[in-house]
């Protein structure tokens, strides 16, 4: 998330800080503001981002599904006349082949 998260108060980019004591089993990672020195747990930030991402994911998938359907339908409408022309030409070629002498 580095260079993507900004301080709510002063709009500075947050930097990561590792405040884990030596030989600690748990990690203490924070995002800190270099200007106002406020800090927030990386876990809280990640939970918030994950929750927001989860909400958007469903909406975005539905949107892109609709967009894909529109594109595929346009392609289908454009290809159908060409397929029909090719089938007509194939029929003509089969007829001409049948009239040729062995």
PDB file of N, CA and C in Angstrom:
ATOM      1  N   UNK A   1       0.809  -1.195   0.000  1.00  0.00           N
ATOM      2  CA  UNK A   1       0.000   0.000   0.000  1.00  0.00           C
ATOM      3  C   UNK A   1       0.858   1.267   0.000  1.00  0.00           C
ATOM      4  N   UNK A   2       2.145   1.068   0.083  1.00  0.00           N
ATOM      5  CA  UNK A   2       3.052   2.203   0.125  1.00  0.00           C
ATOM      6  C   UNK A   2       2.838   3.091  -1.092  1.00  0.00           C
ATOM      7  N   UNK A   3       2.846   4.373  -0.906  1.00  0.00           N
ATOM      8  CA  UNK A   3       2.638   5.399  -1.929  1.00  0.00           C
ATOM      9  C   UNK A   3       1.203   5.434  -2.444  1.00  0.00           C
ATOM     10  N   UNK A   4       0.301   4.723  -1.789  1.00  0.00           N
ATOM     11  CA  UNK A   4      -1.104   4.750  -2.185  1.00  0.00           C
ATOM     12  C   UNK A   4      -2.004   5.324  -1.091  1.00  0.00           C
ATOM     13  N   UNK A   5      -1.486   5.371   0.130  1.00  0.00           N
ATOM     14  CA  UNK A   5      -2.291   5.814   1.268  1.00  0.00           C
ATOM     15  C   UNK A   5      -1.773   7.168   1.751  1.00  0.00           C
ATOM     16  N   UNK A   6      -2.732   8.070   1.995  1.00  0.00           N
ATOM     17  CA  UNK A   6      -2.385   9.422   2.409  1.00  0.00           C
ATOM     18  C   UNK A   6      -2.997   9.736   3.770  1.00  0.00           C
ATOM     19  N   UNK A   7      -2.372  10.637   4.482  1.00  0.00           N
ATOM     20  CA  UNK A   7      -2.849  11.092   5.777  1.00  0.00           C
ATOM     21  C   UNK A   7      -4.169  11.844   5.596  1.00  0.00           C
ATOM     22  N   UNK A   8      -5.110  11.551   6.457  1.00  0.00           N
ATOM     23  CA  UNK A   8      -6.434  12.179   6.369  1.00  0.00           C
ATOM     24  C   UNK A   8      -6.359  13.668   6.683  1.00  0.00           C
ATOM     25  N   UNK A   9      -5.437  14.062   7.554  1.00  0.00           N
ATOM     26  CA  UNK A   9      -5.370  15.453   7.997  1.00  0.00           C
ATOM     27  C   UNK A   9      -4.484  16.332   7.121  1.00  0.00           C
ATOM     28  N   UNK A  10      -3.276  15.863   6.820  1.00  0.00           N
ATOM     29  CA  UNK A  10      -2.339  16.742   6.093  1.00  0.00           C
ATOM     30  C   UNK A  10      -2.078  16.306   4.653  1.00  0.00           C
ATOM     31  N   UNK A  11      -2.678  15.203   4.226  1.00  0.00           N
ATOM     32  CA  UNK A  11      -2.604  14.716   2.841  1.00  0.00           C
ATOM     33  C   UNK A  11      -1.205  14.279   2.399  1.00  0.00           C
ATOM     34  N   UNK A  12      -0.336  13.984   3.357  1.00  0.00           N
ATOM     35  CA  UNK A  12       0.998  13.463   3.047  1.00  0.00           C
ATOM     36  C   UNK A  12       0.913  11.952   2.827  1.00  0.00           C
ATOM     37  N   UNK A  13       1.826  11.414   2.023  1.00  0.00           N
ATOM     38  CA  UNK A  13       1.892   9.965   1.841  1.00  0.00           C
ATOM     39  C   UNK A  13       2.321   9.317   3.147  1.00  0.00           C
ATOM     40  N   UNK A  14       1.626   8.249   3.505  1.00  0.00           N
ATOM     41  CA  UNK A  14       2.010   7.521   4.713  1.00  0.00           C
ATOM     42  C   UNK A  14       3.172   6.593   4.400  1.00  0.00           C
ATOM     43  N   UNK A  15       4.019   6.411   5.391  1.00  0.00           N
ATOM     44  CA  UNK A  15       5.158   5.504   5.254  1.00  0.00           C
ATOM     45  C   UNK A  15       4.987   4.368   6.260  1.00  0.00           C
ATOM     46  N   UNK A  16       5.563   3.231   5.943  1.00  0.00           N
ATOM     47  CA  UNK A  16       5.440   2.083   6.841  1.00  0.00           C
ATOM     48  C   UNK A  16       6.550   2.108   7.886  1.00  0.00           C
ATOM     49  N   UNK A  17       6.201   1.659   9.062  1.00  0.00           N
ATOM     50  CA  UNK A  17       7.164   1.563  10.149  1.00  0.00           C
ATOM     51  C   UNK A  17       6.999   0.197  10.814  1.00  0.00           C
ATOM     52  N   UNK A  18       8.106  -0.434  11.067  1.00  0.00           N
ATOM     53  CA  UNK A  18       8.102  -1.697  11.780  1.00  0.00           C
ATOM     54  C   UNK A  18       8.532  -1.407  13.215  1.00  0.00           C
ATOM     55  N   UNK A  19       7.591  -1.564  14.145  1.00  0.00           N
ATOM     56  CA  UNK A  19       7.874  -1.310  15.566  1.00  0.00           C
ATOM     57  C   UNK A  19       7.917  -2.608  16.357  1.00  0.00           C
ATOM     58  N   UNK A  20       8.270  -3.675  15.693  1.00  0.00           N
ATOM     59  CA  UNK A  20       8.313  -4.987  16.334  1.00  0.00           C
ATOM     60  C   UNK A  20       9.562  -5.094  17.204  1.00  0.00           C
ATOM     61  N   UNK A  21       9.372  -5.405  18.503  1.00  0.00           N
ATOM     62  CA  UNK A  21      10.544  -5.596  19.367  1.00  0.00           C
ATOM     63  C   UNK A  21      11.310  -6.863  18.961  1.00  0.00           C
ATOM     64  N   UNK A  22      12.571  -6.885  19.298  1.00  0.00           N
ATOM     65  CA  UNK A  22      13.398  -8.056  18.998  1.00  0.00           C
ATOM     66  C   UNK A  22      12.809  -9.284  19.683  1.00  0.00           C
ATOM     67  N   UNK A  23      12.854 -10.399  19.010  1.00  0.00           N
ATOM     68  CA  UNK A  23      12.382 -11.694  19.505  1.00  0.00           C
ATOM     69  C   UNK A  23      10.883 -11.724  19.800  1.00  0.00           C
ATOM     70  N   UNK A  24      10.134 -10.817  19.229  1.00  0.00           N
ATOM     71  CA  UNK A  24       8.691 -10.805  19.425  1.00  0.00           C
ATOM     72  C   UNK A  24       8.031 -11.763  18.449  1.00  0.00           C
ATOM     73  N   UNK A  25       7.004 -12.461  18.915  1.00  0.00           N
ATOM     74  CA  UNK A  25       6.289 -13.379  18.040  1.00  0.00           C
ATOM     75  C   UNK A  25       5.286 -12.623  17.167  1.00  0.00           C
ATOM     76  N   UNK A  26       4.791 -11.510  17.666  1.00  0.00           N
ATOM     77  CA  UNK A  26       3.816 -10.717  16.918  1.00  0.00           C
ATOM     78  C   UNK A  26       4.525  -9.536  16.260  1.00  0.00           C
ATOM     79  N   UNK A  27       4.064  -9.181  15.050  1.00  0.00           N
ATOM     80  CA  UNK A  27       4.643  -8.031  14.359  1.00  0.00           C
ATOM     81  C   UNK A  27       3.785  -6.801  14.621  1.00  0.00           C
ATOM     82  N   UNK A  28       4.436  -5.689  14.779  1.00  0.00           N
ATOM     83  CA  UNK A  28       3.769  -4.410  15.008  1.00  0.00           C
ATOM     84  C   UNK A  28       4.130  -3.473  13.858  1.00  0.00           C
ATOM     85  N   UNK A  29       3.288  -3.523  12.831  1.00  0.00           N
ATOM     86  CA  UNK A  29       3.519  -2.694  11.651  1.00  0.00           C
ATOM     87  C   UNK A  29       2.529  -1.534  11.659  1.00  0.00           C
ATOM     88  N   UNK A  30       3.024  -0.344  11.296  1.00  0.00           N
ATOM     89  CA  UNK A  30       2.191   0.850  11.295  1.00  0.00           C
ATOM     90  C   UNK A  30       2.408   1.632  10.009  1.00  0.00           C
ATOM     91  N   UNK A  31       1.402   2.406   9.678  1.00  0.00           N
ATOM     92  CA  UNK A  31       1.541   3.441   8.659  1.00  0.00           C
ATOM     93  C   UNK A  31       1.622   4.749   9.414  1.00  0.00           C
ATOM     94  N   UNK A  32       2.663   5.518   9.120  1.00  0.00           N
ATOM     95  CA  UNK A  32       2.900   6.767   9.837  1.00  0.00           C
ATOM     96  C   UNK A  32       2.932   7.942   8.877  1.00  0.00           C
ATOM     97  N   UNK A  33       2.476   9.085   9.387  1.00  0.00           N
ATOM     98  CA  UNK A  33       2.543  10.318   8.604  1.00  0.00           C
ATOM     99  C   UNK A  33       3.849  11.029   8.953  1.00  0.00           C
ATOM    100  N   UNK A  34       4.671  11.331   7.959  1.00  0.00           N
ATOM    101  CA  UNK A  34       5.931  12.009   8.261  1.00  0.00           C
ATOM    102  C   UNK A  34       5.752  13.445   8.740  1.00  0.00           C
ATOM    103  N   UNK A  35       4.612  14.075   8.431  1.00  0.00           N
ATOM    104  CA  UNK A  35       4.390  15.468   8.829  1.00  0.00           C
ATOM    105  C   UNK A  35       3.800  15.594  10.226  1.00  0.00           C
ATOM    106  N   UNK A  36       2.633  14.987  10.430  1.00  0.00           N
ATOM    107  CA  UNK A  36       1.954  15.173  11.714  1.00  0.00           C
ATOM    108  C   UNK A  36       2.232  14.044  12.706  1.00  0.00           C
ATOM    109  N   UNK A  37       3.023  13.067  12.301  1.00  0.00           N
ATOM    110  CA  UNK A  37       3.495  11.978  13.169  1.00  0.00           C
ATOM    111  C   UNK A  37       2.385  11.049  13.682  1.00  0.00           C
ATOM    112  N   UNK A  38       1.200  11.135  13.113  1.00  0.00           N
ATOM    113  CA  UNK A  38       0.140  10.209  13.516  1.00  0.00           C
ATOM    114  C   UNK A  38       0.419   8.850  12.918  1.00  0.00           C
ATOM    115  N   UNK A  39      -0.054   7.810  13.602  1.00  0.00           N
ATOM    116  CA  UNK A  39       0.164   6.461  13.080  1.00  0.00           C
ATOM    117  C   UNK A  39      -1.102   5.643  13.237  1.00  0.00           C
ATOM    118  N   UNK A  40      -1.215   4.636  12.383  1.00  0.00           N
ATOM    119  CA  UNK A  40      -2.353   3.736  12.420  1.00  0.00           C
ATOM    120  C   UNK A  40      -1.840   2.333  12.125  1.00  0.00           C
ATOM    121  N   UNK A  41      -2.435   1.371  12.761  1.00  0.00           N
ATOM    122  CA  UNK A  41      -2.034  -0.022  12.594  1.00  0.00           C
ATOM    123  C   UNK A  41      -2.258  -0.461  11.154  1.00  0.00           C
ATOM    124  N   UNK A  42      -1.299  -1.186  10.629  1.00  0.00           N
ATOM    125  CA  UNK A  42      -1.439  -1.672   9.253  1.00  0.00           C
ATOM    126  C   UNK A  42      -2.619  -2.636   9.143  1.00  0.00           C
ATOM    127  N   UNK A  43      -2.924  -3.349  10.234  1.00  0.00           N
ATOM    128  CA  UNK A  43      -4.059  -4.271  10.221  1.00  0.00           C
ATOM    129  C   UNK A  43      -5.369  -3.529  10.000  1.00  0.00           C
ATOM    130  N   UNK A  44      -5.531  -2.378  10.663  1.00  0.00           N
ATOM    131  CA  UNK A  44      -6.758  -1.585  10.498  1.00  0.00           C
ATOM    132  C   UNK A  44      -6.889  -1.080   9.060  1.00  0.00           C
ATOM    133  N   UNK A  45      -5.777  -0.610   8.507  1.00  0.00           N
ATOM    134  CA  UNK A  45      -5.797  -0.126   7.120  1.00  0.00           C
ATOM    135  C   UNK A  45      -6.158  -1.268   6.185  1.00  0.00           C
ATOM    136  N   UNK A  46      -5.524  -2.399   6.354  1.00  0.00           N
ATOM    137  CA  UNK A  46      -5.762  -3.532   5.464  1.00  0.00           C
ATOM    138  C   UNK A  46      -7.197  -4.051   5.583  1.00  0.00           C
ATOM    139  N   UNK A  47      -7.740  -4.072   6.798  1.00  0.00           N
ATOM    140  CA  UNK A  47      -9.135  -4.491   6.989  1.00  0.00           C
ATOM    141  C   UNK A  47     -10.084  -3.548   6.258  1.00  0.00           C
ATOM    142  N   UNK A  48      -9.824  -2.260   6.389  1.00  0.00           N
ATOM    143  CA  UNK A  48     -10.673  -1.255   5.742  1.00  0.00           C
ATOM    144  C   UNK A  48     -10.607  -1.382   4.219  1.00  0.00           C
ATOM    145  N   UNK A  49      -9.417  -1.551   3.714  1.00  0.00           N
ATOM    146  CA  UNK A  49      -9.247  -1.672   2.259  1.00  0.00           C
ATOM    147  C   UNK A  49      -9.886  -2.951   1.749  1.00  0.00           C
ATOM    148  N   UNK A  50      -9.724  -4.038   2.492  1.00  0.00           N
ATOM    149  CA  UNK A  50     -10.329  -5.306   2.095  1.00  0.00           C
ATOM    150  C   UNK A  50     -11.857  -5.205   2.075  1.00  0.00           C
ATOM    151  N   UNK A  51     -12.430  -4.547   3.086  1.00  0.00           N
ATOM    152  CA  UNK A  51     -13.888  -4.382   3.144  1.00  0.00           C
ATOM    153  C   UNK A  51     -14.376  -3.561   1.944  1.00  0.00           C
ATOM    154  N   UNK A  52     -13.678  -2.476   1.642  1.00  0.00           N
ATOM    155  CA  UNK A  52     -14.051  -1.633   0.505  1.00  0.00           C
ATOM    156  C   UNK A  52     -13.904  -2.402  -0.803  1.00  0.00           C
ATOM    157  N   UNK A  53     -12.817  -3.127  -0.935  1.00  0.00           N
ATOM    158  CA  UNK A  53     -12.580  -3.920  -2.141  1.00  0.00           C
ATOM    159  C   UNK A  53     -13.672  -4.973  -2.323  1.00  0.00           C
ATOM    160  N   UNK A  54     -14.067  -5.620  -1.230  1.00  0.00           N
ATOM    161  CA  UNK A  54     -15.109  -6.644  -1.293  1.00  0.00           C
ATOM    162  C   UNK A  54     -16.422  -6.070  -1.792  1.00  0.00           C
ATOM    163  N   UNK A  55     -16.781  -4.879  -1.309  1.00  0.00           N
ATOM    164  CA  UNK A  55     -18.018  -4.245  -1.758  1.00  0.00           C
ATOM    165  C   UNK A  55     -17.954  -3.888  -3.246  1.00  0.00           C
ATOM    166  N   UNK A  56     -16.834  -3.347  -3.667  1.00  0.00           N
ATOM    167  CA  UNK A  56     -16.693  -2.917  -5.063  1.00  0.00           C
ATOM    168  C   UNK A  56     -16.585  -4.099  -6.015  1.00  0.00           C
ATOM    169  N   UNK A  57     -15.996  -5.177  -5.570  1.00  0.00           N
ATOM    170  CA  UNK A  57     -15.730  -6.336  -6.428  1.00  0.00           C
ATOM    171  C   UNK A  57     -17.012  -6.841  -7.080  1.00  0.00           C
ATOM    172  N   UNK A  58     -18.061  -7.032  -6.275  1.00  0.00           N
ATOM    173  CA  UNK A  58     -19.329  -7.529  -6.796  1.00  0.00           C
ATOM    174  C   UNK A  58     -19.935  -6.588  -7.821  1.00  0.00           C
ATOM    175  N   UNK A  59     -19.921  -5.295  -7.524  1.00  0.00           N
ATOM    176  CA  UNK A  59     -20.477  -4.310  -8.465  1.00  0.00           C
ATOM    177  C   UNK A  59     -19.673  -4.277  -9.750  1.00  0.00           C
ATOM    178  N   UNK A  60     -18.374  -4.283  -9.613  1.00  0.00           N
ATOM    179  CA  UNK A  60     -17.513  -4.210 -10.801  1.00  0.00           C
ATOM    180  C   UNK A  60     -17.690  -5.438 -11.689  1.00  0.00           C
ATOM    181  N   UNK A  61     -17.796  -6.610 -11.080  1.00  0.00           N
ATOM    182  CA  UNK A  61     -17.979  -7.824 -11.872  1.00  0.00           C
ATOM    183  C   UNK A  61     -19.269  -7.760 -12.678  1.00  0.00           C
ATOM    184  N   UNK A  62     -20.347  -7.309 -12.053  1.00  0.00           N
ATOM    185  CA  UNK A  62     -21.617  -7.196 -12.766  1.00  0.00           C
ATOM    186  C   UNK A  62     -21.519  -6.182 -13.893  1.00  0.00           C
ATOM    187  N   UNK A  63     -20.852  -5.066 -13.647  1.00  0.00           N
ATOM    188  CA  UNK A  63     -20.681  -4.044 -14.678  1.00  0.00           C
ATOM    189  C   UNK A  63     -19.906  -4.610 -15.868  1.00  0.00           C
ATOM    190  N   UNK A  64     -18.789  -5.271 -15.599  1.00  0.00           N
ATOM    191  CA  UNK A  64     -17.972  -5.806 -16.688  1.00  0.00           C
ATOM    192  C   UNK A  64     -18.659  -6.960 -17.406  1.00  0.00           C
ATOM    193  N   UNK A  65     -19.491  -7.696 -16.692  1.00  0.00           N
ATOM    194  CA  UNK A  65     -20.259  -8.763 -17.336  1.00  0.00           C
ATOM    195  C   UNK A  65     -21.230  -8.159 -18.354  1.00  0.00           C
ATOM    196  N   UNK A  66     -21.901  -7.073 -17.974  1.00  0.00           N
ATOM    197  CA  UNK A  66     -22.818  -6.401 -18.901  1.00  0.00           C
ATOM    198  C   UNK A  66     -22.069  -5.816 -20.087  1.00  0.00           C
ATOM    199  N   UNK A  67     -20.918  -5.206 -19.819  1.00  0.00           N
ATOM    200  CA  UNK A  67     -20.124  -4.623 -20.903  1.00  0.00           C
ATOM    201  C   UNK A  67     -19.665  -5.708 -21.876  1.00  0.00           C
ATOM    202  N   UNK A  68     -19.252  -6.845 -21.344  1.00  0.00           N
ATOM    203  CA  UNK A  68     -18.799  -7.951 -22.187  1.00  0.00           C
ATOM    204  C   UNK A  68     -19.939  -8.481 -23.034  1.00  0.00           C
ATOM    205  N   UNK A  69     -21.128  -8.593 -22.449  1.00  0.00           N
ATOM    206  CA  UNK A  69     -22.293  -9.037 -23.221  1.00  0.00           C
ATOM    207  C   UNK A  69     -22.576  -8.081 -24.379  1.00  0.00           C
ATOM    208  N   UNK A  70     -22.490  -6.778 -24.126  1.00  0.00           N
ATOM    209  CA  UNK A  70     -22.736  -5.792 -25.182  1.00  0.00           C
ATOM    210  C   UNK A  70     -21.720  -5.943 -26.311  1.00  0.00           C
ATOM    211  N   UNK A  71     -20.464  -6.099 -25.960  1.00  0.00           N
ATOM    212  CA  UNK A  71     -19.411  -6.236 -26.966  1.00  0.00           C
ATOM    213  C   UNK A  71     -19.611  -7.505 -27.784  1.00  0.00           C
ATOM    214  N   UNK A  72     -19.893  -8.613 -27.106  1.00  0.00           N
ATOM    215  CA  UNK A  72     -20.089  -9.884 -27.811  1.00  0.00           C
ATOM    216  C   UNK A  72     -21.306  -9.831 -28.729  1.00  0.00           C
ATOM    217  N   UNK A  73     -22.371  -9.164 -28.303  1.00  0.00           N
ATOM    218  CA  UNK A  73     -23.549  -9.019 -29.160  1.00  0.00           C
ATOM    219  C   UNK A  73     -23.251  -8.179 -30.398  1.00  0.00           C
ATOM    220  N   UNK A  74     -22.448  -7.127 -30.230  1.00  0.00           N
ATOM    221  CA  UNK A  74     -22.044  -6.319 -31.393  1.00  0.00           C
ATOM    222  C   UNK A  74     -21.232  -7.153 -32.368  1.00  0.00           C
ATOM    223  N   UNK A  75     -20.303  -7.938 -31.842  1.00  0.00           N
ATOM    224  CA  UNK A  75     -19.492  -8.810 -32.702  1.00  0.00           C
ATOM    225  C   UNK A  75     -20.376  -9.805 -33.438  1.00  0.00           C
ATOM    226  N   UNK A  76     -21.335 -10.370 -32.705  1.00  0.00           N
ATOM    227  CA  UNK A  76     -22.226 -11.364 -33.294  1.00  0.00           C
ATOM    228  C   UNK A  76     -23.035 -10.742 -34.434  1.00  0.00           C
ATOM    229  N   UNK A  77     -23.570  -9.544 -34.218  1.00  0.00           N
ATOM    230  CA  UNK A  77     -24.344  -8.858 -35.257  1.00  0.00           C
ATOM    231  C   UNK A  77     -23.480  -8.558 -36.475  1.00  0.00           C
ATOM    232  N   UNK A  78     -22.218  -8.246 -36.244  1.00  0.00           N
ATOM    233  CA  UNK A  78     -21.307  -7.964 -37.356  1.00  0.00           C
ATOM    234  C   UNK A  78     -20.881  -9.228 -38.093  1.00  0.00           C
ATOM    235  N   UNK A  79     -20.783 -10.339 -37.377  1.00  0.00           N
ATOM    236  CA  UNK A  79     -20.313 -11.578 -37.985  1.00  0.00           C
ATOM    237  C   UNK A  79     -21.419 -12.362 -38.690  1.00  0.00           C
ATOM    238  N   UNK A  80     -22.660 -12.247 -38.233  1.00  0.00           N
ATOM    239  CA  UNK A  80     -23.750 -13.019 -38.827  1.00  0.00           C
ATOM    240  C   UNK A  80     -23.896 -12.791 -40.329  1.00  0.00           C
ATOM    241  N   UNK A  81     -23.902 -11.546 -40.820  1.00  0.00           N
ATOM    242  CA  UNK A  81     -24.007 -11.349 -42.278  1.00  0.00           C
ATOM    243  C   UNK A  81     -22.814 -11.952 -43.034  1.00  0.00           C
ATOM    244  N   UNK A  82     -21.639 -11.860 -42.451  1.00  0.00           N
ATOM    245  CA  UNK A  82     -20.454 -12.428 -43.102  1.00  0.00           C
ATOM    246  C   UNK A  82     -20.534 -13.953 -43.166  1.00  0.00           C
ATOM    247  N   UNK A  83     -21.030 -14.561 -42.096  1.00  0.00           N
ATOM    248  CA  UNK A  83     -21.192 -16.019 -42.079  1.00  0.00           C
ATOM    249  C   UNK A  83     -22.211 -16.434 -43.137  1.00  0.00           C
ATOM    250  N   UNK A  84     -23.296 -15.688 -43.234  1.00  0.00           N
ATOM    251  CA  UNK A  84     -24.310 -15.994 -44.248  1.00  0.00           C
ATOM    252  C   UNK A  84     -23.736 -15.885 -45.657  1.00  0.00           C
ATOM    253  N   UNK A  85     -22.953 -14.843 -45.914  1.00  0.00           N
ATOM    254  CA  UNK A  85     -22.309 -14.685 -47.232  1.00  0.00           C
ATOM    255  C   UNK A  85     -21.372 -15.856 -47.512  1.00  0.00           C
ATOM    256  N   UNK A  86     -20.593 -16.246 -46.533  1.00  0.00           N
ATOM    257  CA  UNK A  86     -19.670 -17.366 -46.715  1.00  0.00           C
ATOM    258  C   UNK A  86     -20.423 -18.667 -46.985  1.00  0.00           C
ATOM    259  N   UNK A  87     -21.526 -18.875 -46.286  1.00  0.00           N
ATOM    260  CA  UNK A  87     -22.332 -20.072 -46.522  1.00  0.00           C
ATOM    261  C   UNK A  87     -22.928 -20.081 -47.927  1.00  0.00           C
ATOM    262  N   UNK A  88     -23.362 -18.919 -48.397  1.00  0.00           N
ATOM    263  CA  UNK A  88     -23.876 -18.824 -49.781  1.00  0.00           C
ATOM    264  C   UNK A  88     -22.772 -19.143 -50.775  1.00  0.00           C
ATOM    265  N   UNK A  89     -21.596 -18.568 -50.566  1.00  0.00           N
ATOM    266  CA  UNK A  89     -20.467 -18.833 -51.460  1.00  0.00           C
ATOM    267  C   UNK A  89     -20.071 -20.308 -51.415  1.00  0.00           C
ATOM    268  N   UNK A  90     -20.131 -20.905 -50.259  1.00  0.00           N
ATOM    269  CA  UNK A  90     -19.824 -22.325 -50.131  1.00  0.00           C
ATOM    270  C   UNK A  90     -20.831 -23.163 -50.920  1.00  0.00           C
ATOM    271  N   UNK A  91     -22.101 -22.801 -50.819  1.00  0.00           N
ATOM    272  CA  UNK A  91     -23.129 -23.506 -51.592  1.00  0.00           C
ATOM    273  C   UNK A  91     -22.880 -23.396 -53.085  1.00  0.00           C
ATOM    274  N   UNK A  92     -22.508 -22.190 -53.547  1.00  0.00           N
ATOM    275  CA  UNK A  92     -22.212 -21.990 -54.974  1.00  0.00           C
ATOM    276  C   UNK A  92     -21.005 -22.832 -55.400  1.00  0.00           C
ATOM    277  N   UNK A  93     -19.977 -22.842 -54.568  1.00  0.00           N
ATOM    278  CA  UNK A  93     -18.780 -23.624 -54.889  1.00  0.00           C
ATOM    279  C   UNK A  93     -19.088 -25.116 -54.948  1.00  0.00           C
ATOM    280  N   UNK A  94     -19.910 -25.595 -54.021  1.00  0.00           N
ATOM    281  CA  UNK A  94     -20.291 -27.016 -54.049  1.00  0.00           C
ATOM    282  C   UNK A  94     -21.047 -27.336 -55.337  1.00  0.00           C
ATOM    283  N   UNK A  95     -21.913 -26.440 -55.749  1.00  0.00           N
ATOM    284  CA  UNK A  95     -22.665 -26.657 -56.985  1.00  0.00           C
ATOM    285  C   UNK A  95     -21.713 -26.699 -58.176  1.00  0.00           C
ATOM    286  N   UNK A  96     -20.786 -25.731 -58.232  1.00  0.00           N
ATOM    287  CA  UNK A  96     -19.842 -25.681 -59.345  1.00  0.00           C
ATOM    288  C   UNK A  96     -18.960 -26.925 -59.360  1.00  0.00           C
ATOM    289  N   UNK A  97     -18.532 -27.383 -58.205  1.00  0.00           N
ATOM    290  CA  UNK A  97     -17.722 -28.609 -58.128  1.00  0.00           C
ATOM    291  C   UNK A  97     -18.502 -29.830 -58.631  1.00  0.00           C
ATOM    292  N   UNK A  98     -19.802 -29.864 -58.332  1.00  0.00           N
ATOM    293  CA  UNK A  98     -20.615 -30.999 -58.751  1.00  0.00           C
ATOM    294  C   UNK A  98     -20.828 -31.019 -60.280  1.00  0.00           C
ATOM    295  N   UNK A  99     -20.704 -29.850 -60.910  1.00  0.00           N
ATOM    296  CA  UNK A  99     -20.921 -29.793 -62.363  1.00  0.00           C
ATOM    297  C   UNK A  99     -19.655 -30.072 -63.156  1.00  0.00           C
ATOM    298  N   UNK A 100     -18.522 -30.088 -62.476  1.00  0.00           N
ATOM    299  CA  UNK A 100     -17.268 -30.351 -63.184  1.00  0.00           C
ATOM    300  C   UNK A 100     -17.189 -31.806 -63.624  1.00  0.00           C
ATOM    301  N   UNK A 101     -16.537 -32.020 -64.762  1.00  0.00           N
ATOM    302  CA  UNK A 101     -16.313 -33.391 -65.232  1.00  0.00           C
ATOM    303  C   UNK A 101     -15.184 -34.019 -64.424  1.00  0.00           C
ATOM    304  N   UNK A 102     -15.349 -35.324 -64.181  1.00  0.00           N
ATOM    305  CA  UNK A 102     -14.298 -36.044 -63.477  1.00  0.00           C
ATOM    306  C   UNK A 102     -13.107 -36.067 -64.376  1.00  0.00           C
TER     307      UNK A 102
END
